[in-house]
N, C-alpha and C. Protein backbone atom coordinates (compact mmCIF):
# COMPACT_ATOMS: atom_id res chain seq x y z
N MET A 1 23.92 7.18 13.40
CA MET A 1 22.47 7.32 13.07
C MET A 1 21.97 8.62 12.46
N PRO A 2 21.17 8.84 11.50
CA PRO A 2 20.81 10.14 10.78
C PRO A 2 19.92 10.87 11.96
N PRO A 3 20.05 12.25 11.72
CA PRO A 3 19.39 13.00 12.85
C PRO A 3 18.06 12.79 13.26
N ALA A 4 17.30 12.41 12.03
CA ALA A 4 15.69 12.10 12.15
C ALA A 4 15.70 10.88 13.03
N GLN A 5 16.38 9.97 12.67
CA GLN A 5 16.19 8.72 13.51
C GLN A 5 16.64 8.98 14.92
N GLU A 6 17.70 9.59 15.12
CA GLU A 6 18.43 9.90 16.36
C GLU A 6 17.17 10.76 17.22
N ALA A 7 16.44 11.73 16.82
CA ALA A 7 15.56 12.40 17.51
C ALA A 7 14.43 11.42 17.78
N ASN A 8 13.92 10.46 17.05
CA ASN A 8 12.88 9.72 17.33
C ASN A 8 13.54 8.12 17.95
N ARG A 9 14.69 8.04 18.47
CA ARG A 9 15.00 6.71 18.80
C ARG A 9 14.26 6.22 19.90
N ASP A 10 13.76 7.30 20.94
CA ASP A 10 13.23 6.74 22.22
C ASP A 10 11.59 6.61 22.24
N VAL A 11 10.95 6.78 21.19
CA VAL A 11 9.63 6.70 20.99
C VAL A 11 9.37 5.20 20.90
N ARG A 12 8.02 5.12 21.05
CA ARG A 12 7.35 3.88 21.09
C ARG A 12 6.75 3.53 19.66
N TRP A 13 7.32 2.71 19.00
CA TRP A 13 6.68 2.50 17.84
C TRP A 13 5.82 1.10 17.71
N PHE A 14 4.62 1.29 16.85
CA PHE A 14 3.92 0.06 16.85
C PHE A 14 3.26 -0.15 15.62
N LYS A 15 2.91 -1.36 15.36
CA LYS A 15 2.25 -1.92 14.25
C LYS A 15 0.70 -2.09 14.35
N SER A 16 0.06 -1.89 13.14
CA SER A 16 -1.57 -1.99 13.52
C SER A 16 -1.77 -3.46 13.48
N SER A 17 -2.85 -3.73 14.23
CA SER A 17 -3.38 -5.06 14.46
C SER A 17 -3.84 -5.54 13.24
N TYR A 18 -4.13 -5.00 12.10
CA TYR A 18 -4.46 -5.33 10.90
C TYR A 18 -3.35 -5.61 9.91
N SER A 19 -2.13 -5.79 10.41
CA SER A 19 -0.91 -5.93 9.79
C SER A 19 -0.81 -7.38 8.68
N GLY A 20 -1.54 -8.26 9.01
CA GLY A 20 -1.75 -9.62 8.35
C GLY A 20 -0.99 -10.60 9.26
N GLY A 21 -1.26 -11.90 8.66
CA GLY A 21 -0.39 -12.91 9.44
C GLY A 21 1.07 -12.86 9.82
N SER A 22 2.06 -12.42 8.84
CA SER A 22 3.32 -12.41 9.07
C SER A 22 3.82 -11.15 9.76
N GLY A 23 2.98 -10.12 9.70
CA GLY A 23 3.19 -8.80 10.21
C GLY A 23 4.34 -8.07 9.57
N SER A 24 4.92 -8.64 8.46
CA SER A 24 5.95 -8.08 7.89
C SER A 24 5.73 -6.98 6.79
N ASP A 25 4.44 -7.02 6.21
CA ASP A 25 4.06 -5.97 5.12
C ASP A 25 3.24 -4.73 5.85
N CYS A 26 3.81 -3.81 6.57
CA CYS A 26 3.20 -2.89 7.41
C CYS A 26 4.03 -1.86 7.57
N VAL A 27 3.64 -0.89 7.92
CA VAL A 27 4.18 0.20 8.53
C VAL A 27 3.98 0.45 10.10
N GLU A 28 5.14 1.06 10.51
CA GLU A 28 4.80 1.47 12.08
C GLU A 28 4.84 2.77 12.35
N VAL A 29 3.97 2.99 13.55
CA VAL A 29 3.75 4.61 13.76
C VAL A 29 4.19 4.83 15.08
N ALA A 30 4.63 6.01 15.31
CA ALA A 30 4.75 6.49 16.75
C ALA A 30 4.66 7.97 16.65
N PHE A 31 4.28 8.44 18.15
CA PHE A 31 3.88 9.71 18.45
C PHE A 31 4.66 10.39 19.46
N SER A 32 4.95 11.60 19.11
CA SER A 32 5.97 12.50 20.16
C SER A 32 5.29 13.72 20.13
N GLY A 33 4.68 14.31 21.21
CA GLY A 33 4.06 15.26 21.08
C GLY A 33 2.91 15.67 20.01
N GLN A 34 3.35 16.52 19.01
CA GLN A 34 2.14 16.98 18.13
C GLN A 34 2.51 16.18 16.86
N VAL A 35 3.60 15.26 16.98
CA VAL A 35 4.27 14.89 15.64
C VAL A 35 3.80 13.35 15.52
N ALA A 36 3.45 12.84 14.29
CA ALA A 36 3.26 11.24 14.17
C ALA A 36 4.36 11.01 13.24
N SER A 37 4.99 9.89 13.33
CA SER A 37 6.22 9.22 12.52
C SER A 37 5.76 7.99 11.94
N VAL A 38 5.87 8.00 10.46
CA VAL A 38 5.48 6.76 10.05
C VAL A 38 6.78 6.15 9.28
N ARG A 39 7.12 4.66 9.49
CA ARG A 39 8.14 4.12 8.80
C ARG A 39 7.73 2.62 8.17
N ASP A 40 8.82 2.16 7.35
CA ASP A 40 8.48 0.76 6.78
C ASP A 40 8.87 -0.09 7.86
N SER A 41 7.99 -1.17 8.30
CA SER A 41 8.61 -1.94 9.33
C SER A 41 9.70 -2.95 8.93
N LYS A 42 9.89 -2.98 7.52
CA LYS A 42 11.02 -3.83 7.15
C LYS A 42 12.42 -3.32 7.02
N THR A 43 12.35 -1.88 7.00
CA THR A 43 13.47 -1.15 6.56
C THR A 43 13.45 0.05 7.53
N PRO A 44 13.38 -0.03 8.95
CA PRO A 44 13.15 1.35 9.55
C PRO A 44 14.29 2.33 9.76
N TRP A 45 15.50 1.73 9.40
CA TRP A 45 16.54 2.55 9.31
C TRP A 45 16.65 3.33 8.01
N ARG A 46 15.80 3.28 7.26
CA ARG A 46 15.86 4.21 5.91
C ARG A 46 14.97 5.43 6.18
N GLY A 47 14.66 5.74 7.31
CA GLY A 47 13.99 6.82 7.48
C GLY A 47 12.33 7.10 7.74
N MET A 48 11.76 8.09 8.08
CA MET A 48 10.43 8.05 8.27
C MET A 48 9.78 9.30 7.92
N LEU A 49 8.58 9.17 7.76
CA LEU A 49 7.59 10.28 7.33
C LEU A 49 7.07 11.05 8.51
N ASN A 50 7.31 12.26 8.89
CA ASN A 50 6.77 13.01 9.94
C ASN A 50 5.75 13.92 9.65
N MET A 51 4.60 14.14 10.39
CA MET A 51 3.45 15.12 10.02
C MET A 51 3.07 15.44 11.36
N PRO A 52 2.16 16.38 11.30
CA PRO A 52 1.47 16.87 12.51
C PRO A 52 0.24 15.64 12.70
N THR A 53 0.18 15.55 14.13
CA THR A 53 -0.88 14.51 14.31
C THR A 53 -2.35 14.72 13.77
N ASN A 54 -2.67 15.94 13.87
CA ASN A 54 -3.81 16.48 12.89
C ASN A 54 -4.21 15.89 11.65
N THR A 55 -2.91 15.77 10.91
CA THR A 55 -2.86 15.46 9.60
C THR A 55 -2.89 13.98 9.50
N PHE A 56 -2.09 13.22 10.32
CA PHE A 56 -1.91 11.90 10.47
C PHE A 56 -3.78 11.24 10.51
N ALA A 57 -4.29 12.14 11.71
CA ALA A 57 -5.63 11.71 12.03
C ALA A 57 -6.58 11.86 10.80
N ALA A 58 -6.53 12.75 9.86
CA ALA A 58 -7.26 12.94 8.82
C ALA A 58 -6.93 12.11 7.94
N PHE A 59 -5.83 11.50 7.63
CA PHE A 59 -5.32 10.66 6.75
C PHE A 59 -5.94 9.30 7.09
N ILE A 60 -6.04 8.91 8.40
CA ILE A 60 -6.60 7.61 8.85
C ILE A 60 -8.19 7.81 8.71
N GLU A 61 -8.75 8.84 8.78
CA GLU A 61 -10.12 8.72 8.66
C GLU A 61 -10.62 8.70 7.25
N ASN A 62 -9.69 9.33 6.08
CA ASN A 62 -9.80 9.13 4.92
C ASN A 62 -9.73 7.89 4.62
N MET A 63 -8.83 7.08 5.04
CA MET A 63 -8.48 5.63 4.66
C MET A 63 -9.61 4.53 5.22
N LYS A 64 -10.18 5.04 6.27
CA LYS A 64 -11.48 4.39 6.79
C LYS A 64 -12.72 4.64 5.77
N ALA A 65 -12.77 5.44 5.09
CA ALA A 65 -13.74 5.84 4.25
C ALA A 65 -13.73 5.24 3.14
N ILE A 66 -12.77 4.35 2.53
CA ILE A 66 -12.45 3.58 1.37
C ILE A 66 -12.95 2.15 1.61
N PRO A 67 -13.89 1.66 0.74
CA PRO A 67 -14.51 0.39 1.08
C PRO A 67 -13.25 -0.78 1.38
N ASP A 68 -13.47 -1.46 1.81
CA ASP A 68 -12.66 -2.88 2.05
C ASP A 68 -12.28 -3.26 0.56
N GLY A 69 -11.00 -3.94 0.21
CA GLY A 69 -10.54 -4.25 -0.95
C GLY A 69 -10.11 -3.15 -2.00
N ALA A 70 -10.60 -1.96 -1.54
CA ALA A 70 -10.59 -0.96 -2.67
C ALA A 70 -8.96 -0.27 -2.20
N ARG A 71 -8.65 -0.52 -0.99
CA ARG A 71 -7.44 -0.09 -0.45
C ARG A 71 -6.26 -1.04 -0.78
N ASP A 72 -6.18 -2.15 -1.13
CA ASP A 72 -5.52 -3.08 -1.50
C ASP A 72 -4.32 -2.66 -2.62
N VAL A 73 -3.21 -2.76 -2.18
CA VAL A 73 -2.17 -2.28 -3.26
C VAL A 73 -1.69 -3.51 -4.04
N GLN A 74 -1.71 -3.48 -5.37
CA GLN A 74 -1.13 -4.43 -6.03
C GLN A 74 0.38 -4.39 -6.50
């Protein structure tokens, strides 16, 4: 197991309740201390993006400010 995954194997990963019907097109998030980790739910073994929790909170607030429909990825 890669070191980054080894360090985060005991954290609790969760998906957004807005993940859609199948729940397969989303990311998972885990928090450990002052670090937020984000990974693709379909390929969790491929690694994760780690950032300070305050950076993650700012990202979420900015996403909330974007009108519905404008966040959709084509």
